[in-house]
């Protein structure tokens, strides 16, 4: 299953022609796509008007929904953050640590365009979708 990060959904809904948004377009209808609860919140909070909010929500609701955080993931995310910090790497956002950890623990592949996930891929085994241009 592929979990799609908000960085990609936002570009996709804005019509940005990034390699990741184009990869998402190719994957739609052919691959199991999941939307995490935290990702849903990130995407929806950026929508400016009610009509667009409802359209985006309806679209995202059509995919498999994943609860990203619980006690075990929270604890493991803290451990992962500390491992990376010990390597001299600082992840800028806690939410990215939670998303990456859930993907690692559940064997999800992540489609993203956020450099904060790179350390998780290199040092902790996060599986990512490789798109042309990345």
Protein backbone atom coordinates (compact mmCIF):
# COMPACT_ATOMS: atom_id res chain seq x y z
CA UNK A 1 0.00 0.00 0.00
CA UNK A 2 1.19 3.51 -0.76
CA UNK A 3 0.64 6.28 1.75
CA UNK A 4 0.64 9.67 0.05
CA UNK A 5 2.03 12.59 2.03
CA UNK A 6 0.33 15.97 2.18
CA UNK A 7 3.26 17.48 0.23
CA UNK A 8 2.12 15.47 -2.80
CA UNK A 9 -1.64 15.88 -2.31
CA UNK A 10 -1.29 19.64 -2.07
CA UNK A 11 0.65 19.80 -5.34
CA UNK A 12 -1.81 17.39 -6.94
CA UNK A 13 -4.89 19.44 -5.99
CA UNK A 14 -3.20 22.69 -7.05
CA UNK A 15 -2.37 21.20 -10.44
CA UNK A 16 1.38 21.55 -9.89
CA UNK A 17 3.34 19.45 -12.35
CA UNK A 18 5.85 17.96 -9.93
CA UNK A 19 7.30 14.49 -10.51
CA UNK A 20 5.53 13.27 -7.37
CA UNK A 21 2.11 14.69 -8.31
CA UNK A 22 2.47 13.20 -11.77
CA UNK A 23 3.44 9.84 -10.21
CA UNK A 24 0.31 10.01 -8.04
CA UNK A 25 -1.78 10.64 -11.14
CA UNK A 26 -0.30 7.50 -12.74
CA UNK A 27 -0.88 5.40 -9.60
CA UNK A 28 -4.53 6.41 -9.14
CA UNK A 29 -6.83 3.53 -10.03
CA UNK A 30 -3.99 1.02 -10.33
CA UNK A 31 -2.51 0.89 -6.83
CA UNK A 32 -3.82 0.80 -3.26
CA UNK A 33 -3.57 4.39 -2.07
CA UNK A 34 -4.00 5.37 1.55
CA UNK A 35 -4.63 8.68 3.30
CA UNK A 36 -3.48 9.08 6.88
CA UNK A 37 -5.58 10.97 9.39
CA UNK A 38 -2.81 13.52 10.07
CA UNK A 39 -2.26 13.96 6.34
CA UNK A 40 -5.99 14.51 5.86
CA UNK A 41 -5.88 17.25 8.49
CA UNK A 42 -2.83 18.91 6.89
CA UNK A 43 -4.38 18.96 3.43
CA UNK A 44 -7.84 20.12 4.53
CA UNK A 45 -6.57 22.92 6.78
CA UNK A 46 -4.95 24.52 3.75
CA UNK A 47 -8.16 24.64 1.69
CA UNK A 48 -9.47 28.19 1.41
CA UNK A 49 -13.21 27.92 0.69
CA UNK A 50 -16.03 25.60 1.73
CA UNK A 51 -16.83 24.29 -1.76
CA UNK A 52 -13.23 23.26 -2.39
CA UNK A 53 -13.00 21.85 1.16
CA UNK A 54 -15.95 19.53 0.45
CA UNK A 55 -14.52 18.45 -2.93
CA UNK A 56 -11.08 17.70 -1.53
CA UNK A 57 -12.55 15.87 1.46
CA UNK A 58 -14.78 13.75 -0.77
CA UNK A 59 -11.81 12.83 -2.95
CA UNK A 60 -9.58 11.93 -0.02
CA UNK A 61 -12.38 9.99 1.67
CA UNK A 62 -12.55 7.70 -1.37
CA UNK A 63 -9.16 6.19 -0.49
CA UNK A 64 -8.28 3.77 2.25
CA UNK A 65 -8.02 5.62 5.57
CA UNK A 66 -5.17 4.97 8.01
CA UNK A 67 -4.91 6.06 11.63
CA UNK A 68 -1.28 7.08 11.84
CA UNK A 69 -0.63 7.48 15.54
CA UNK A 70 -1.24 5.46 18.63
CA UNK A 71 0.83 4.90 21.74
CA UNK A 72 3.25 2.38 20.16
CA UNK A 73 3.87 4.53 17.08
CA UNK A 74 4.34 7.61 19.27
CA UNK A 75 7.00 5.86 21.36
CA UNK A 76 8.74 4.40 18.30
CA UNK A 77 8.65 7.81 16.59
CA UNK A 78 10.45 9.31 19.57
CA UNK A 79 13.06 6.55 19.36
CA UNK A 80 13.50 7.17 15.64
CA UNK A 81 13.84 10.91 16.17
CA UNK A 82 16.52 10.27 18.81
CA UNK A 83 18.39 7.84 16.52
CA UNK A 84 18.51 10.43 13.78
CA UNK A 85 19.49 13.18 16.20
CA UNK A 86 22.36 11.00 17.44
CA UNK A 87 23.51 10.82 13.81
CA UNK A 88 23.48 14.62 13.67
CA UNK A 89 20.24 14.79 11.69
CA UNK A 90 17.28 16.85 12.86
CA UNK A 91 13.81 16.30 11.48
CA UNK A 92 12.01 19.65 11.38
CA UNK A 93 8.46 18.43 12.03
CA UNK A 94 7.15 15.93 14.54
CA UNK A 95 4.33 15.00 12.18
CA UNK A 96 6.86 13.79 9.59
CA UNK A 97 8.50 11.62 12.24
CA UNK A 98 5.11 10.10 13.05
CA UNK A 99 4.25 9.51 9.38
CA UNK A 100 7.62 7.95 8.57
CA UNK A 101 7.51 5.73 11.65
CA UNK A 102 4.01 4.45 10.84
CA UNK A 103 5.16 3.63 7.32
CA UNK A 104 8.25 1.81 8.58
CA UNK A 105 6.34 -0.16 11.22
CA UNK A 106 3.47 -1.11 8.87
CA UNK A 107 5.55 -1.69 5.73
CA UNK A 108 3.79 1.08 3.82
CA UNK A 109 5.56 2.79 0.95
CA UNK A 110 5.53 6.59 1.13
CA UNK A 111 5.06 8.95 -1.80
CA UNK A 112 6.37 12.35 -0.74
CA UNK A 113 8.20 15.47 -1.83
CA UNK A 114 9.54 16.53 1.58
CA UNK A 115 13.24 16.31 2.38
CA UNK A 116 12.52 15.51 6.04
CA UNK A 117 11.76 11.93 4.98
CA UNK A 118 15.17 11.40 3.36
CA UNK A 119 16.91 10.57 6.66
CA UNK A 120 14.26 7.96 7.44
CA UNK A 121 14.85 6.35 4.06
CA UNK A 122 18.65 6.36 4.30
CA UNK A 123 19.06 5.43 7.96
CA UNK A 124 15.86 3.69 9.10
CA UNK A 125 14.60 1.77 6.07
CA UNK A 126 11.61 3.87 5.02
CA UNK A 127 10.39 2.62 1.66
CA UNK A 128 9.53 5.39 -0.80
CA UNK A 129 8.03 5.63 -4.26
CA UNK A 130 10.69 6.72 -6.67
CA UNK A 131 9.40 9.08 -9.32
CA UNK A 132 11.29 10.54 -12.24
CA UNK A 133 12.96 13.75 -11.20
CA UNK A 134 13.61 12.70 -7.60
